[in-house]
Amino acid sequence: MPSQIKVDEIKNVAGQYKIKTNVFEGQTTAGSITLQGEGTATTNLQQGVAKSWCNIQGKSTASIVDSFNTASMTDAGTGLYDTVFTNNMSNDDYCATTAAGEYVDNGGNRMCGLRARATTGINIRAFYDGNSAADLEDLNVATHGDLA
C-alpha cells in the first residue's frame, strides 16, 4: 500500500496557506483535477481554462499585441486574420470566442467572428457596421477545448 500523509492544514515555512508547485496531477486520472465550484457544483480545472488567446492590433501593420499559445498571426487581407497555435488542439470542435473594437469610439459597430477553425489555428474576419470587412484596431480571440 502506498504511503499516505493525513493532515488538517498545510502551510508553508512562513506559516501562510500559500503552497507553491509546478505540477498538479489527479490521483486516479492524471489529466483531470476537479474543483469545488459555486454552491455544490464541481468543475474541471483542465476544461475550465483557456487553451489559447490572442490580442491583435489589426490596423496598419497587423501584429500580435499579446497572446498565450499563439505562435503567429498572418494578415490575410482586409479584415482577415489567420492565427496559428503553438500547441495544437486535439480536434476542431473547440469553442472559439471573438471580440472586436476600436481604441476610440467613432460610432458604428465593430465585430469579428470565426471564419474557419482547424486543429492548428483559427481564422477570423472583422467587420465595421456588419457590412464591410475592415482592419480594426482591437481584435481578440480565445479558445476552450482539448489540447492534442
Protein backbone atom coordinates (compact mmCIF):
# COMPACT_ATOMS: atom_id res chain seq x y z
CA MET A 1 0.00 0.00 0.00
CA PRO A 2 1.36 3.47 -0.86
CA SER A 3 2.28 5.84 1.95
CA GLN A 4 -0.30 8.39 3.00
CA ILE A 5 0.01 11.72 4.75
CA LYS A 6 -3.11 12.90 6.57
CA VAL A 7 -3.24 16.47 7.83
CA ASP A 8 -5.85 19.09 8.67
CA GLU A 9 -3.86 22.08 7.38
CA ILE A 10 -0.87 22.63 5.12
CA LYS A 11 1.16 25.81 5.50
CA ASN A 12 4.49 26.89 4.07
CA VAL A 13 7.50 27.58 6.33
CA ALA A 14 6.37 31.19 6.81
CA GLY A 15 3.09 29.93 8.30
CA GLN A 16 0.99 31.01 5.31
CA TYR A 17 -1.55 28.95 3.38
CA LYS A 18 0.37 29.58 0.16
CA ILE A 19 1.79 26.42 -1.42
CA LYS A 20 3.99 26.55 -4.50
CA THR A 21 4.15 23.73 -7.03
CA ASN A 22 4.94 23.31 -10.71
CA VAL A 23 2.57 20.42 -11.46
CA PHE A 24 -0.86 19.30 -10.26
CA GLU A 25 -1.92 15.80 -11.18
CA GLY A 26 -5.11 13.94 -10.37
CA GLN A 27 -4.78 10.94 -8.05
CA THR A 28 -6.65 8.49 -10.28
CA THR A 29 -6.73 10.44 -13.58
CA ALA A 30 -3.64 12.46 -14.40
CA GLY A 31 -5.41 14.86 -16.78
CA SER A 32 -8.37 15.72 -14.57
CA ILE A 33 -8.43 17.90 -11.46
CA THR A 34 -11.91 18.53 -10.02
CA LEU A 35 -12.50 21.79 -8.15
CA GLN A 36 -15.36 22.85 -5.93
CA GLY A 37 -17.28 25.47 -7.86
CA GLU A 38 -20.03 27.79 -6.69
CA GLY A 39 -22.51 26.15 -4.32
CA THR A 40 -22.39 22.37 -4.53
CA ALA A 41 -21.31 22.16 -8.18
CA THR A 42 -17.86 20.98 -9.19
CA THR A 43 -15.86 21.97 -12.24
CA ASN A 44 -12.88 20.50 -14.06
CA LEU A 45 -9.69 22.58 -13.95
CA GLN A 46 -8.36 21.48 -17.36
CA GLN A 47 -11.68 22.09 -19.13
CA GLY A 48 -12.16 25.47 -17.50
CA VAL A 49 -9.02 27.29 -18.58
CA ALA A 50 -8.42 28.95 -21.95
CA LYS A 51 -6.12 26.87 -24.13
CA SER A 52 -5.13 29.88 -26.22
CA TRP A 53 -5.89 33.56 -26.57
CA CYS A 54 -4.63 36.35 -28.75
CA ASN A 55 -4.97 40.15 -28.86
CA ILE A 56 -4.33 41.53 -32.35
CA GLN A 57 -3.75 45.13 -33.40
CA GLY A 58 -5.34 44.89 -36.85
CA LYS A 59 -4.91 48.36 -38.37
CA SER A 60 -1.90 49.46 -40.41
CA THR A 61 0.62 46.66 -39.87
CA ALA A 62 -1.33 43.89 -38.18
CA SER A 63 0.51 42.39 -35.23
CA ILE A 64 0.03 40.36 -32.09
CA VAL A 65 -0.07 42.62 -29.03
CA ASP A 66 -0.14 39.78 -26.50
CA SER A 67 -1.01 36.10 -26.59
CA PHE A 68 -0.92 32.68 -25.00
CA ASN A 69 -0.33 29.51 -27.05
CA THR A 70 -0.41 31.54 -30.27
CA ALA A 71 2.71 31.07 -32.37
CA SER A 72 1.93 33.57 -35.13
CA MET A 73 -0.69 35.58 -36.98
CA THR A 74 -0.96 36.39 -40.69
CA ASP A 75 -2.81 39.38 -42.13
CA ALA A 76 -4.70 37.54 -44.89
CA GLY A 77 -6.40 40.61 -46.39
CA THR A 78 -8.80 43.35 -45.33
CA GLY A 79 -10.36 42.20 -42.07
CA LEU A 80 -8.92 38.69 -42.38
CA TYR A 81 -6.53 37.24 -39.81
CA ASP A 82 -5.14 33.73 -39.55
CA THR A 83 -3.69 32.63 -36.22
CA VAL A 84 -1.53 29.55 -35.61
CA PHE A 85 -1.43 27.71 -32.28
CA THR A 86 1.88 26.90 -30.62
CA ASN A 87 0.35 23.65 -29.34
CA ASN A 88 -2.46 22.24 -31.50
CA MET A 89 -5.95 21.40 -30.36
CA SER A 90 -7.00 17.73 -30.39
CA ASN A 91 -9.87 18.40 -32.83
CA ASP A 92 -11.70 21.32 -34.44
CA ASP A 93 -14.75 21.08 -32.15
CA TYR A 94 -13.35 23.53 -29.58
CA CYS A 95 -15.11 26.74 -28.56
CA ALA A 96 -13.71 29.90 -30.12
CA THR A 97 -14.82 33.31 -28.81
CA THR A 98 -14.05 36.56 -30.61
CA ALA A 99 -14.46 40.26 -29.85
CA ALA A 100 -13.51 43.43 -31.70
CA GLY A 101 -13.33 47.14 -31.05
CA GLU A 102 -11.51 50.41 -31.57
CA TYR A 103 -9.37 52.30 -29.09
CA VAL A 104 -11.56 55.41 -29.61
CA ASP A 105 -15.29 55.11 -30.25
CA ASN A 106 -16.06 56.91 -33.51
CA GLY A 107 -19.56 55.47 -33.78
CA GLY A 108 -20.55 52.39 -35.73
CA ASN A 109 -20.40 48.75 -34.75
CA ARG A 110 -17.22 46.73 -34.80
CA MET A 111 -17.35 42.95 -34.72
CA CYS A 112 -15.39 39.91 -35.67
CA GLY A 113 -16.27 36.30 -35.99
CA LEU A 114 -14.97 32.86 -36.66
CA ARG A 115 -14.26 32.32 -40.35
CA ALA A 116 -12.77 28.86 -40.01
CA ARG A 117 -11.10 26.73 -37.37
CA ALA A 118 -8.65 23.87 -37.53
CA THR A 119 -6.60 21.93 -35.02
CA THR A 120 -3.66 24.17 -35.96
CA GLY A 121 -5.30 27.61 -35.62
CA ILE A 122 -8.21 29.99 -36.12
CA ASN A 123 -9.18 32.27 -38.99
CA ILE A 124 -11.21 35.35 -38.06
CA ARG A 125 -12.93 38.07 -40.07
CA ALA A 126 -13.52 41.61 -38.81
CA PHE A 127 -16.35 43.93 -39.89
CA TYR A 128 -17.33 47.55 -39.49
CA ASP A 129 -21.10 48.08 -39.15
CA GLY A 130 -21.64 44.42 -40.04
CA ASN A 131 -21.40 45.07 -43.77
CA SER A 132 -17.87 45.54 -44.97
CA ALA A 133 -14.67 43.77 -43.98
CA ALA A 134 -12.40 46.13 -42.09
CA ASP A 135 -9.00 46.22 -40.42
CA LEU A 136 -9.91 47.06 -36.83
CA GLU A 137 -7.62 48.24 -34.06
CA ASP A 138 -8.53 45.70 -31.40
CA LEU A 139 -9.28 42.03 -32.15
CA ASN A 140 -9.43 39.25 -29.59
CA VAL A 141 -9.88 35.50 -29.86
CA ALA A 142 -9.85 32.81 -27.15
CA THR A 143 -10.26 29.04 -27.34
CA HIS A 144 -11.52 26.46 -24.86
CA GLY A 145 -11.30 22.73 -25.54
CA ASP A 146 -8.80 19.88 -25.52
CA LEU A 147 -5.16 20.24 -26.48
CA ALA A 148 -3.69 17.48 -28.63
